[in-house]
Amino acid sequence: MNDRTLNILKNFSSINQSIVFRPGKTIATISPGKKIYAKANIEDEISDEFAIYELPRLFGVLALIPEYKIEIDDQKLCISSDKESRSINYGFADPEHIMQPPVNGISMTKTDVSFVLTNKALSAAMKAASVLGMPEIAITGDGENIFIETSNSAKPSNDIYRDNIGEFEGSKKRFKMIFKVENLKMLPDDYKVKISFKKLAQFVSKDVEYFIVVEKNSTVD
């Protein structure tokens, strides 16, 4: 397992600690509340279908074997190293006990607004939300510009961080699409973003995509 695949899996474990691997070079997960779906293309080839119930525990196991290699049989991962005498067998979970994303994935049926959200802009907004104690991040449009800003729809405040995202395509309507900070669990990267006013957003980077449900109290004028 290369470093990029491991980093993606660590990110996915923040969405759902359990996962089902299927043959091929794609991995996917979905949050227990079905508000986040994530899919990634990886360099590693998965040979068989198997399930891991607790990814963080597996990461700890992998750390015990320097320069590990993994072999898969019907019931477990066999983790070993050519440079060490130690090895670990790690048993699979029952896939029926794990919430799985749709086999055919998720797609955007309609896009109302699209733009590029840089890692710099998103990171700054997330940091501002933490400093200001705001539970939400909003993408807003005033008809001419699109902004990323902090929000607290349950307790409106004059304390608002706002950053002009820049160029965009799509609707010139006034809108406010709200996301819970806890749902914005993307890997650090620049993302092409598509938002549907039907309360769904897609974030796409070079090898990972996320679909995140927009909160019901979002508005379009």
C-alpha atoms as a PDB file:
ATOM      1  CA  MET A   1       0.000   0.000   0.000  1.00  0.00           C
ATOM      2  CA  ASN A   2       1.609   3.272  -1.057  1.00  0.00           C
ATOM      3  CA  ASP A   3       1.577   6.480   0.974  1.00  0.00           C
ATOM      4  CA  ARG A   4      -1.135   8.160  -1.117  1.00  0.00           C
ATOM      5  CA  THR A   5      -3.519   5.222  -0.713  1.00  0.00           C
ATOM      6  CA  LEU A   6      -2.833   5.173   3.025  1.00  0.00           C
ATOM      7  CA  ASN A   7      -3.533   8.923   3.310  1.00  0.00           C
ATOM      8  CA  ILE A   8      -6.783   8.529   1.392  1.00  0.00           C
ATOM      9  CA  LEU A   9      -7.854   5.668   3.654  1.00  0.00           C
ATOM     10  CA  LYS A  10      -7.031   7.707   6.760  1.00  0.00           C
ATOM     11  CA  ASN A  11      -9.213  10.488   5.395  1.00  0.00           C
ATOM     12  CA  PHE A  12     -12.002   8.044   4.571  1.00  0.00           C
ATOM     13  CA  SER A  13     -11.825   6.666   8.110  1.00  0.00           C
ATOM     14  CA  SER A  14     -12.868  10.116   9.369  1.00  0.00           C
ATOM     15  CA  ILE A  15     -16.037   9.689   7.286  1.00  0.00           C
ATOM     16  CA  ASN A  16     -16.699   6.070   8.236  1.00  0.00           C
ATOM     17  CA  GLN A  17     -14.254   3.895  10.186  1.00  0.00           C
ATOM     18  CA  SER A  18     -15.518   0.795   8.358  1.00  0.00           C
ATOM     19  CA  ILE A  19     -15.057   0.041   4.678  1.00  0.00           C
ATOM     20  CA  VAL A  20     -15.631  -2.661   2.082  1.00  0.00           C
ATOM     21  CA  PHE A  21     -12.870  -3.068  -0.506  1.00  0.00           C
ATOM     22  CA  ARG A  22     -13.856  -4.315  -3.948  1.00  0.00           C
ATOM     23  CA  PRO A  23     -11.586  -5.633  -6.724  1.00  0.00           C
ATOM     24  CA  GLY A  24      -9.990  -2.936  -8.848  1.00  0.00           C
ATOM     25  CA  LYS A  25      -8.358   0.436  -8.264  1.00  0.00           C
ATOM     26  CA  THR A  26     -11.268   2.326  -6.733  1.00  0.00           C
ATOM     27  CA  ILE A  27     -12.283   2.695  -3.086  1.00  0.00           C
ATOM     28  CA  ALA A  28     -15.416   4.373  -1.756  1.00  0.00           C
ATOM     29  CA  THR A  29     -17.146   5.110   1.519  1.00  0.00           C
ATOM     30  CA  ILE A  30     -20.264   6.764   2.901  1.00  0.00           C
ATOM     31  CA  SER A  31     -20.905   8.358   6.278  1.00  0.00           C
ATOM     32  CA  PRO A  32     -23.324   6.692   8.723  1.00  0.00           C
ATOM     33  CA  GLY A  33     -25.743   9.600   8.297  1.00  0.00           C
ATOM     34  CA  LYS A  34     -25.415   9.389   4.488  1.00  0.00           C
ATOM     35  CA  LYS A  35     -24.398  13.056   4.263  1.00  0.00           C
ATOM     36  CA  ILE A  36     -20.926  12.382   2.839  1.00  0.00           C
ATOM     37  CA  TYR A  37     -19.926  10.059   0.007  1.00  0.00           C
ATOM     38  CA  ALA A  38     -16.316   9.757  -1.100  1.00  0.00           C
ATOM     39  CA  LYS A  39     -14.604   7.865  -3.897  1.00  0.00           C
ATOM     40  CA  ALA A  40     -10.935   7.682  -4.895  1.00  0.00           C
ATOM     41  CA  ASN A  41      -8.863   6.208  -7.682  1.00  0.00           C
ATOM     42  CA  ILE A  42      -5.747   4.576  -6.260  1.00  0.00           C
ATOM     43  CA  GLU A  43      -2.544   3.125  -7.690  1.00  0.00           C
ATOM     44  CA  ASP A  44      -2.767  -0.079  -5.656  1.00  0.00           C
ATOM     45  CA  GLU A  45      -4.671  -2.979  -7.200  1.00  0.00           C
ATOM     46  CA  ILE A  46      -7.253  -4.652  -4.937  1.00  0.00           C
ATOM     47  CA  SER A  47      -7.480  -8.312  -5.877  1.00  0.00           C
ATOM     48  CA  ASP A  48     -10.426  -9.496  -3.785  1.00  0.00           C
ATOM     49  CA  GLU A  49     -13.472  -8.177  -1.959  1.00  0.00           C
ATOM     50  CA  PHE A  50     -13.064  -7.874   1.802  1.00  0.00           C
ATOM     51  CA  ALA A  51     -14.228  -5.673   4.672  1.00  0.00           C
ATOM     52  CA  ILE A  52     -12.420  -3.890   7.492  1.00  0.00           C
ATOM     53  CA  TYR A  53     -14.526  -2.934  10.484  1.00  0.00           C
ATOM     54  CA  GLU A  54     -12.125  -0.486  12.158  1.00  0.00           C
ATOM     55  CA  LEU A  55      -9.668   1.269   9.855  1.00  0.00           C
ATOM     56  CA  PRO A  56      -7.843   3.222  12.615  1.00  0.00           C
ATOM     57  CA  ARG A  57      -7.028  -0.088  14.299  1.00  0.00           C
ATOM     58  CA  LEU A  58      -5.637  -1.432  11.023  1.00  0.00           C
ATOM     59  CA  PHE A  59      -3.435   1.663  10.645  1.00  0.00           C
ATOM     60  CA  GLY A  60      -1.997   0.942  14.081  1.00  0.00           C
ATOM     61  CA  VAL A  61      -1.285  -2.637  13.083  1.00  0.00           C
ATOM     62  CA  LEU A  62       0.484  -1.577   9.880  1.00  0.00           C
ATOM     63  CA  ALA A  63       2.709   0.722  11.916  1.00  0.00           C
ATOM     64  CA  LEU A  64       4.002  -2.310  13.822  1.00  0.00           C
ATOM     65  CA  ILE A  65       5.634  -3.814  10.722  1.00  0.00           C
ATOM     66  CA  PRO A  66       8.297  -1.663   9.006  1.00  0.00           C
ATOM     67  CA  GLU A  67       8.209  -1.775   5.201  1.00  0.00           C
ATOM     68  CA  TYR A  68       5.262  -4.141   5.302  1.00  0.00           C
ATOM     69  CA  LYS A  69       3.739  -6.122   2.478  1.00  0.00           C
ATOM     70  CA  ILE A  70       0.144  -7.363   2.432  1.00  0.00           C
ATOM     71  CA  GLU A  71      -1.260 -10.619   1.103  1.00  0.00           C
ATOM     72  CA  ILE A  72      -4.969 -11.395   1.058  1.00  0.00           C
ATOM     73  CA  ASP A  73      -6.660 -14.731   1.633  1.00  0.00           C
ATOM     74  CA  ASP A  74     -10.329 -15.608   2.197  1.00  0.00           C
ATOM     75  CA  GLN A  75     -10.457 -14.561   5.842  1.00  0.00           C
ATOM     76  CA  LYS A  76      -7.633 -12.155   6.621  1.00  0.00           C
ATOM     77  CA  LEU A  77      -4.826  -9.826   5.646  1.00  0.00           C
ATOM     78  CA  CYS A  78      -1.376 -11.358   6.079  1.00  0.00           C
ATOM     79  CA  ILE A  79       0.987  -8.511   6.952  1.00  0.00           C
ATOM     80  CA  SER A  80       4.721  -9.200   6.902  1.00  0.00           C
ATOM     81  CA  SER A  81       8.100  -7.771   5.914  1.00  0.00           C
ATOM     82  CA  ASP A  82      11.077  -9.089   4.011  1.00  0.00           C
ATOM     83  CA  LYS A  83      13.334  -7.317   6.539  1.00  0.00           C
ATOM     84  CA  GLU A  84      11.622  -8.431   9.752  1.00  0.00           C
ATOM     85  CA  SER A  85      10.770 -11.834  11.228  1.00  0.00           C
ATOM     86  CA  ARG A  86       7.468 -10.649  12.698  1.00  0.00           C
ATOM     87  CA  SER A  87       4.091 -10.873  10.964  1.00  0.00           C
ATOM     88  CA  ILE A  88       0.447 -10.155  11.791  1.00  0.00           C
ATOM     89  CA  ASN A  89      -2.775 -11.721  10.580  1.00  0.00           C
ATOM     90  CA  TYR A  90      -5.683  -9.264  10.553  1.00  0.00           C
ATOM     91  CA  GLY A  91      -9.170 -10.755  10.218  1.00  0.00           C
ATOM     92  CA  PHE A  92     -11.895  -9.438   7.944  1.00  0.00           C
ATOM     93  CA  ALA A  93     -15.295  -8.148   9.035  1.00  0.00           C
ATOM     94  CA  ASP A  94     -18.662  -9.273   7.672  1.00  0.00           C
ATOM     95  CA  PRO A  95     -19.607  -6.841   4.853  1.00  0.00           C
ATOM     96  CA  GLU A  96     -23.245  -7.181   5.874  1.00  0.00           C
ATOM     97  CA  HIS A  97     -22.435  -5.343   9.098  1.00  0.00           C
ATOM     98  CA  ILE A  98     -20.958  -2.333   7.305  1.00  0.00           C
ATOM     99  CA  MET A  99     -22.807   0.560   5.697  1.00  0.00           C
ATOM    100  CA  GLN A 100     -21.761   0.509   2.057  1.00  0.00           C
ATOM    101  CA  PRO A 101     -22.030   3.218  -0.600  1.00  0.00           C
ATOM    102  CA  PRO A 102     -24.070   2.546  -3.756  1.00  0.00           C
ATOM    103  CA  VAL A 103     -22.245   0.104  -6.016  1.00  0.00           C
ATOM    104  CA  ASN A 104     -22.695   2.424  -9.001  1.00  0.00           C
ATOM    105  CA  GLY A 105     -21.700   5.513  -7.029  1.00  0.00           C
ATOM    106  CA  ILE A 106     -23.425   8.904  -7.008  1.00  0.00           C
ATOM    107  CA  SER A 107     -23.689  11.505  -9.762  1.00  0.00           C
ATOM    108  CA  MET A 108     -24.869  15.085 -10.102  1.00  0.00           C
ATOM    109  CA  THR A 109     -28.147  15.222 -12.017  1.00  0.00           C
ATOM    110  CA  LYS A 110     -28.109  19.028 -12.190  1.00  0.00           C
ATOM    111  CA  THR A 111     -25.489  21.720 -11.625  1.00  0.00           C
ATOM    112  CA  ASP A 112     -26.598  25.250 -10.769  1.00  0.00           C
ATOM    113  CA  VAL A 113     -23.199  26.725  -9.885  1.00  0.00           C
ATOM    114  CA  SER A 114     -19.619  25.579 -10.525  1.00  0.00           C
ATOM    115  CA  PHE A 115     -16.259  27.054  -9.536  1.00  0.00           C
ATOM    116  CA  VAL A 116     -12.773  26.186  -8.298  1.00  0.00           C
ATOM    117  CA  LEU A 117     -12.265  26.185  -4.530  1.00  0.00           C
ATOM    118  CA  THR A 118      -8.589  26.347  -3.652  1.00  0.00           C
ATOM    119  CA  ASN A 119      -7.102  24.620  -0.653  1.00  0.00           C
ATOM    120  CA  LYS A 120      -5.905  28.035   0.534  1.00  0.00           C
ATOM    121  CA  ALA A 121      -9.422  29.505   0.496  1.00  0.00           C
ATOM    122  CA  LEU A 122     -11.051  26.495   2.159  1.00  0.00           C
ATOM    123  CA  SER A 123      -8.350  26.157   4.822  1.00  0.00           C
ATOM    124  CA  ALA A 124      -8.605  29.851   5.701  1.00  0.00           C
ATOM    125  CA  ALA A 125     -12.392  29.654   5.997  1.00  0.00           C
ATOM    126  CA  MET A 126     -12.203  26.534   8.168  1.00  0.00           C
ATOM    127  CA  LYS A 127      -9.645  28.215  10.427  1.00  0.00           C
ATOM    128  CA  ALA A 128     -11.875  31.303  10.678  1.00  0.00           C
ATOM    129  CA  ALA A 129     -14.857  29.120  11.610  1.00  0.00           C
ATOM    130  CA  SER A 130     -12.811  27.598  14.417  1.00  0.00           C
ATOM    131  CA  VAL A 131     -11.604  30.971  15.700  1.00  0.00           C
ATOM    132  CA  LEU A 132     -15.069  32.534  15.533  1.00  0.00           C
ATOM    133  CA  GLY A 133     -16.800  29.453  16.931  1.00  0.00           C
ATOM    134  CA  MET A 134     -18.991  29.003  13.861  1.00  0.00           C
ATOM    135  CA  PRO A 135     -20.437  25.538  13.118  1.00  0.00           C
ATOM    136  CA  GLU A 136     -21.044  26.106   9.416  1.00  0.00           C
ATOM    137  CA  ILE A 137     -19.374  27.126   6.187  1.00  0.00           C
ATOM    138  CA  ALA A 138     -21.558  28.687   3.494  1.00  0.00           C
ATOM    139  CA  ILE A 139     -21.108  29.236  -0.217  1.00  0.00           C
ATOM    140  CA  THR A 140     -23.085  32.380  -1.052  1.00  0.00           C
ATOM    141  CA  GLY A 141     -23.887  34.285  -4.222  1.00  0.00           C
ATOM    142  CA  ASP A 142     -25.094  37.869  -4.613  1.00  0.00           C
ATOM    143  CA  GLY A 143     -25.852  37.662  -8.323  1.00  0.00           C
ATOM    144  CA  GLU A 144     -22.407  38.823  -9.411  1.00  0.00           C
ATOM    145  CA  ASN A 145     -19.916  37.159  -7.055  1.00  0.00           C
ATOM    146  CA  ILE A 146     -19.561  33.941  -5.089  1.00  0.00           C
ATOM    147  CA  PHE A 147     -18.102  33.857  -1.593  1.00  0.00           C
ATOM    148  CA  ILE A 148     -17.068  31.308   1.013  1.00  0.00           C
ATOM    149  CA  GLU A 149     -17.994  32.457   4.493  1.00  0.00           C
ATOM    150  CA  THR A 150     -18.591  31.350   8.064  1.00  0.00           C
ATOM    151  CA  SER A 151     -22.141  30.884   9.286  1.00  0.00           C
ATOM    152  CA  ASN A 152     -24.272  30.018  12.289  1.00  0.00           C
ATOM    153  CA  SER A 153     -27.834  29.684  11.043  1.00  0.00           C
ATOM    154  CA  ALA A 154     -29.113  28.591  14.456  1.00  0.00           C
ATOM    155  CA  LYS A 155     -27.749  31.734  16.110  1.00  0.00           C
ATOM    156  CA  PRO A 156     -27.125  34.500  13.532  1.00  0.00           C
ATOM    157  CA  SER A 157     -24.148  36.726  14.312  1.00  0.00           C
ATOM    158  CA  ASN A 158     -22.481  39.830  12.946  1.00  0.00           C
ATOM    159  CA  ASP A 159     -19.164  37.985  13.212  1.00  0.00           C
ATOM    160  CA  ILE A 160     -18.707  36.761   9.658  1.00  0.00           C
ATOM    161  CA  TYR A 161     -15.564  35.792   7.747  1.00  0.00           C
ATOM    162  CA  ARG A 162     -15.975  36.166   3.964  1.00  0.00           C
ATOM    163  CA  ASP A 163     -13.686  35.527   1.000  1.00  0.00           C
ATOM    164  CA  ASN A 164     -14.480  36.121  -2.671  1.00  0.00           C
ATOM    165  CA  ILE A 165     -13.940  32.813  -4.475  1.00  0.00           C
ATOM    166  CA  GLY A 166     -13.484  34.425  -7.888  1.00  0.00           C
ATOM    167  CA  GLU A 167     -14.702  33.178 -11.250  1.00  0.00           C
ATOM    168  CA  PHE A 168     -17.770  30.954 -11.435  1.00  0.00           C
ATOM    169  CA  GLU A 169     -20.273  29.577 -13.909  1.00  0.00           C
ATOM    170  CA  GLY A 170     -24.006  29.142 -13.564  1.00  0.00           C
ATOM    171  CA  SER A 171     -26.877  30.796 -11.763  1.00  0.00           C
ATOM    172  CA  LYS A 172     -26.953  34.552 -11.114  1.00  0.00           C
ATOM    173  CA  LYS A 173     -29.527  34.076  -8.360  1.00  0.00           C
ATOM    174  CA  ARG A 174     -28.878  35.081  -4.774  1.00  0.00           C
ATOM    175  CA  PHE A 175     -28.260  31.964  -2.714  1.00  0.00           C
ATOM    176  CA  LYS A 176     -26.721  30.587   0.443  1.00  0.00           C
ATOM    177  CA  MET A 177     -25.676  26.942   0.461  1.00  0.00           C
ATOM    178  CA  ILE A 178     -24.813  25.829   4.001  1.00  0.00           C
ATOM    179  CA  PHE A 179     -22.482  22.995   5.050  1.00  0.00           C
ATOM    180  CA  LYS A 180     -21.759  21.726   8.524  1.00  0.00           C
ATOM    181  CA  VAL A 181     -18.064  22.177   9.271  1.00  0.00           C
ATOM    182  CA  GLU A 182     -17.980  18.582  10.510  1.00  0.00           C
ATOM    183  CA  ASN A 183     -19.008  17.375   7.040  1.00  0.00           C
ATOM    184  CA  LEU A 184     -16.200  19.130   5.155  1.00  0.00           C
ATOM    185  CA  LYS A 185     -13.688  16.322   5.581  1.00  0.00           C
ATOM    186  CA  MET A 186     -11.876  16.569   2.257  1.00  0.00           C
ATOM    187  CA  LEU A 187      -8.175  15.953   1.842  1.00  0.00           C
ATOM    188  CA  PRO A 188      -6.186  19.184   1.459  1.00  0.00           C
ATOM    189  CA  ASP A 189      -6.304  20.049  -2.252  1.00  0.00           C
ATOM    190  CA  ASP A 190      -7.828  22.354  -4.843  1.00  0.00           C
ATOM    191  CA  TYR A 191     -11.312  21.229  -5.876  1.00  0.00           C
ATOM    192  CA  LYS A 192     -13.630  21.733  -8.797  1.00  0.00           C
ATOM    193  CA  VAL A 193     -16.988  22.265  -7.123  1.00  0.00           C
ATOM    194  CA  LYS A 194     -20.475  21.765  -8.516  1.00  0.00           C
ATOM    195  CA  ILE A 195     -23.514  22.698  -6.443  1.00  0.00           C
ATOM    196  CA  SER A 196     -27.133  21.786  -7.084  1.00  0.00           C
ATOM    197  CA  PHE A 197     -29.771  23.947  -5.434  1.00  0.00           C
ATOM    198  CA  LYS A 198     -31.501  20.615  -4.763  1.00  0.00           C
ATOM    199  CA  LYS A 199     -29.078  20.370  -1.838  1.00  0.00           C
ATOM    200  CA  LEU A 200     -26.100  18.414  -3.112  1.00  0.00           C
ATOM    201  CA  ALA A 201     -22.499  19.432  -3.812  1.00  0.00           C
ATOM    202  CA  GLN A 202     -19.634  17.639  -5.561  1.00  0.00           C
ATOM    203  CA  PHE A 203     -15.957  18.337  -4.817  1.00  0.00           C
ATOM    204  CA  VAL A 204     -13.471  16.835  -7.303  1.00  0.00           C
ATOM    205  CA  SER A 205      -9.657  16.804  -7.123  1.00  0.00           C
ATOM    206  CA  LYS A 206      -7.136  14.871  -9.209  1.00  0.00           C
ATOM    207  CA  ASP A 207      -7.930  11.448  -7.713  1.00  0.00           C
ATOM    208  CA  VAL A 208     -10.666  11.915  -5.089  1.00  0.00           C
ATOM    209  CA  GLU A 209     -14.256  13.116  -5.230  1.00  0.00           C
ATOM    210  CA  TYR A 210     -16.719  13.877  -2.464  1.00  0.00           C
ATOM    211  CA  PHE A 211     -20.469  14.374  -2.527  1.00  0.00           C
ATOM    212  CA  ILE A 212     -21.723  16.347   0.467  1.00  0.00           C
ATOM    213  CA  VAL A 213     -25.352  17.027   1.313  1.00  0.00           C
ATOM    214  CA  VAL A 214     -26.192  20.720   1.626  1.00  0.00           C
ATOM    215  CA  GLU A 215     -28.132  21.625   4.779  1.00  0.00           C
ATOM    216  CA  LYS A 216     -31.917  21.968   4.513  1.00  0.00           C
ATOM    217  CA  ASN A 217     -31.899  25.569   5.739  1.00  0.00           C
ATOM    218  CA  SER A 218     -29.956  26.690   2.654  1.00  0.00           C
ATOM    219  CA  THR A 219     -31.769  29.316   0.602  1.00  0.00           C
ATOM    220  CA  VAL A 220     -32.195  30.460  -3.009  1.00  0.00           C
ATOM    221  CA  ASP A 221     -33.917  33.754  -3.872  1.00  0.00           C
END
